[in-house]
Amino acid sequence: QNAAAMRQVLASAGIGVVCDKHPIIAMLLADEQEAAGLSHHFLSFGLRIPYFKYPAEPRSNLLRSISRAVYTAEHLERFSNALHTWRRVSR
């Protein structure tokens, strides 16, 4: 349920994901700078979603998060607020 909620928030913010079949959510961003910037913005909301490149992954525009069953409505609300705030700031 939490993964579906997070994907819905991402879609409403105009951010695509690589796959919707598992709890790892790979967000598709414009480039490496945008992915790193969103990671930093999440941290300002108390959400640790670090950006780093995987050696075997050629794409550098992915920011990966995981959806956990222990996330509360408050966690998901912070996720949503962070995304929608970031989208307004970055435009």
C-alpha atoms as a PDB file:
ATOM      1  CA  GLN A   1       0.000   0.000   0.000  1.00  0.00           C
ATOM      2  CA  ASN A   2       2.756   2.446   0.871  1.00  0.00           C
ATOM      3  CA  ALA A   3       4.581   1.819  -2.402  1.00  0.00           C
ATOM      4  CA  ALA A   4       1.371   2.495  -4.332  1.00  0.00           C
ATOM      5  CA  ALA A   5       0.794   5.689  -2.327  1.00  0.00           C
ATOM      6  CA  MET A   6       4.345   6.886  -2.961  1.00  0.00           C
ATOM      7  CA  ARG A   7       4.049   6.159  -6.692  1.00  0.00           C
ATOM      8  CA  GLN A   8       0.774   8.055  -6.818  1.00  0.00           C
ATOM      9  CA  VAL A   9       2.414  11.097  -5.184  1.00  0.00           C
ATOM     10  CA  LEU A  10       5.300  10.859  -7.652  1.00  0.00           C
ATOM     11  CA  ALA A  11       2.891  10.700 -10.585  1.00  0.00           C
ATOM     12  CA  SER A  12       0.989  13.743  -9.304  1.00  0.00           C
ATOM     13  CA  ALA A  13       4.326  15.603  -9.106  1.00  0.00           C
ATOM     14  CA  GLY A  14       5.152  14.603 -12.686  1.00  0.00           C
ATOM     15  CA  ILE A  15       7.955  12.189 -11.767  1.00  0.00           C
ATOM     16  CA  GLY A  16       8.073   8.813 -13.462  1.00  0.00           C
ATOM     17  CA  VAL A  17       9.321   5.560 -11.983  1.00  0.00           C
ATOM     18  CA  VAL A  18      11.232   2.682 -13.545  1.00  0.00           C
ATOM     19  CA  CYS A  19       9.011  -0.163 -12.295  1.00  0.00           C
ATOM     20  CA  ASP A  20       5.898  -0.616 -10.198  1.00  0.00           C
ATOM     21  CA  LYS A  21       6.398  -4.272  -9.228  1.00  0.00           C
ATOM     22  CA  HIS A  22       8.467  -4.061  -6.030  1.00  0.00           C
ATOM     23  CA  PRO A  23       9.068  -1.818  -3.006  1.00  0.00           C
ATOM     24  CA  ILE A  24      12.188  -0.172  -4.471  1.00  0.00           C
ATOM     25  CA  ILE A  25      11.048   2.994  -6.180  1.00  0.00           C
ATOM     26  CA  ALA A  26      13.492   4.328  -8.771  1.00  0.00           C
ATOM     27  CA  MET A  27      12.455   7.891  -9.588  1.00  0.00           C
ATOM     28  CA  LEU A  28      13.280   9.083 -13.105  1.00  0.00           C
ATOM     29  CA  LEU A  29      14.653  12.607 -13.012  1.00  0.00           C
ATOM     30  CA  ALA A  30      16.108  14.845 -15.699  1.00  0.00           C
ATOM     31  CA  ASP A  31      19.750  14.341 -14.789  1.00  0.00           C
ATOM     32  CA  GLU A  32      22.271  13.680 -12.032  1.00  0.00           C
ATOM     33  CA  GLN A  33      22.013  17.224 -10.654  1.00  0.00           C
ATOM     34  CA  GLU A  34      18.237  17.023 -10.353  1.00  0.00           C
ATOM     35  CA  ALA A  35      18.452  13.644  -8.593  1.00  0.00           C
ATOM     36  CA  ALA A  36      21.051  14.952  -6.137  1.00  0.00           C
ATOM     37  CA  GLY A  37      19.036  18.128  -5.575  1.00  0.00           C
ATOM     38  CA  LEU A  38      15.859  16.206  -4.772  1.00  0.00           C
ATOM     39  CA  SER A  39      17.825  13.988  -2.401  1.00  0.00           C
ATOM     40  CA  HIS A  40      19.048  17.093  -0.559  1.00  0.00           C
ATOM     41  CA  HIS A  41      15.529  18.547  -0.494  1.00  0.00           C
ATOM     42  CA  PHE A  42      14.117  15.327   0.988  1.00  0.00           C
ATOM     43  CA  LEU A  43      16.682  15.593   3.775  1.00  0.00           C
ATOM     44  CA  SER A  44      15.360  19.038   4.694  1.00  0.00           C
ATOM     45  CA  PHE A  45      12.036  17.281   5.385  1.00  0.00           C
ATOM     46  CA  GLY A  46      13.705  14.645   7.555  1.00  0.00           C
ATOM     47  CA  LEU A  47      13.598  11.992   4.823  1.00  0.00           C
ATOM     48  CA  ARG A  48      16.863  10.224   4.031  1.00  0.00           C
ATOM     49  CA  ILE A  49      16.845   9.238   0.386  1.00  0.00           C
ATOM     50  CA  PRO A  50      20.523   9.473  -0.560  1.00  0.00           C
ATOM     51  CA  TYR A  51      21.609   9.885  -4.155  1.00  0.00           C
ATOM     52  CA  PHE A  52      24.458   7.753  -5.429  1.00  0.00           C
ATOM     53  CA  LYS A  53      25.426   6.034  -8.642  1.00  0.00           C
ATOM     54  CA  TYR A  54      25.499   2.276  -8.923  1.00  0.00           C
ATOM     55  CA  PRO A  55      28.579   1.025 -10.823  1.00  0.00           C
ATOM     56  CA  ALA A  56      26.498  -1.379 -12.917  1.00  0.00           C
ATOM     57  CA  GLU A  57      23.756   1.158 -13.717  1.00  0.00           C
ATOM     58  CA  PRO A  58      24.455   3.374 -16.731  1.00  0.00           C
ATOM     59  CA  ARG A  59      21.717   5.881 -15.855  1.00  0.00           C
ATOM     60  CA  SER A  60      22.769   8.651 -13.478  1.00  0.00           C
ATOM     61  CA  ASN A  61      19.314  10.273 -13.291  1.00  0.00           C
ATOM     62  CA  LEU A  62      17.755   7.796 -10.838  1.00  0.00           C
ATOM     63  CA  LEU A  63      16.964   8.473  -7.200  1.00  0.00           C
ATOM     64  CA  ARG A  64      16.006   5.301  -5.376  1.00  0.00           C
ATOM     65  CA  SER A  65      13.798   5.008  -2.346  1.00  0.00           C
ATOM     66  CA  ILE A  66      12.216   2.052  -0.653  1.00  0.00           C
ATOM     67  CA  SER A  67       8.679   1.781   0.570  1.00  0.00           C
ATOM     68  CA  ARG A  68       8.380   0.123   3.951  1.00  0.00           C
ATOM     69  CA  ALA A  69       5.314  -1.223   5.680  1.00  0.00           C
ATOM     70  CA  VAL A  70       6.227   0.705   8.842  1.00  0.00           C
ATOM     71  CA  TYR A  71       5.747   4.077   7.153  1.00  0.00           C
ATOM     72  CA  THR A  72       2.922   6.001   8.753  1.00  0.00           C
ATOM     73  CA  ALA A  73       0.517   8.493   7.225  1.00  0.00           C
ATOM     74  CA  GLU A  74       2.793  11.211   8.615  1.00  0.00           C
ATOM     75  CA  HIS A  75       5.812   9.785   6.734  1.00  0.00           C
ATOM     76  CA  LEU A  76       3.834   9.685   3.496  1.00  0.00           C
ATOM     77  CA  GLU A  77       2.574  13.220   4.050  1.00  0.00           C
ATOM     78  CA  ARG A  78       6.149  14.488   4.511  1.00  0.00           C
ATOM     79  CA  PHE A  79       7.128  12.646   1.311  1.00  0.00           C
ATOM     80  CA  SER A  80       4.273  14.330  -0.546  1.00  0.00           C
ATOM     81  CA  ASN A  81       4.983  17.775   0.905  1.00  0.00           C
ATOM     82  CA  ALA A  82       8.672  17.487   0.055  1.00  0.00           C
ATOM     83  CA  LEU A  83       7.951  16.503  -3.541  1.00  0.00           C
ATOM     84  CA  HIS A  84       5.389  19.187  -4.187  1.00  0.00           C
ATOM     85  CA  THR A  85       7.503  21.863  -2.533  1.00  0.00           C
ATOM     86  CA  TRP A  86      10.566  20.822  -4.518  1.00  0.00           C
ATOM     87  CA  ARG A  87       8.721  20.889  -7.816  1.00  0.00           C
ATOM     88  CA  ARG A  88       7.568  24.467  -7.171  1.00  0.00           C
ATOM     89  CA  VAL A  89      11.049  25.601  -6.116  1.00  0.00           C
ATOM     90  CA  SER A  90      12.906  23.942  -9.000  1.00  0.00           C
ATOM     91  CA  ARG A  91      10.787  25.427 -11.799  1.00  0.00           C
END
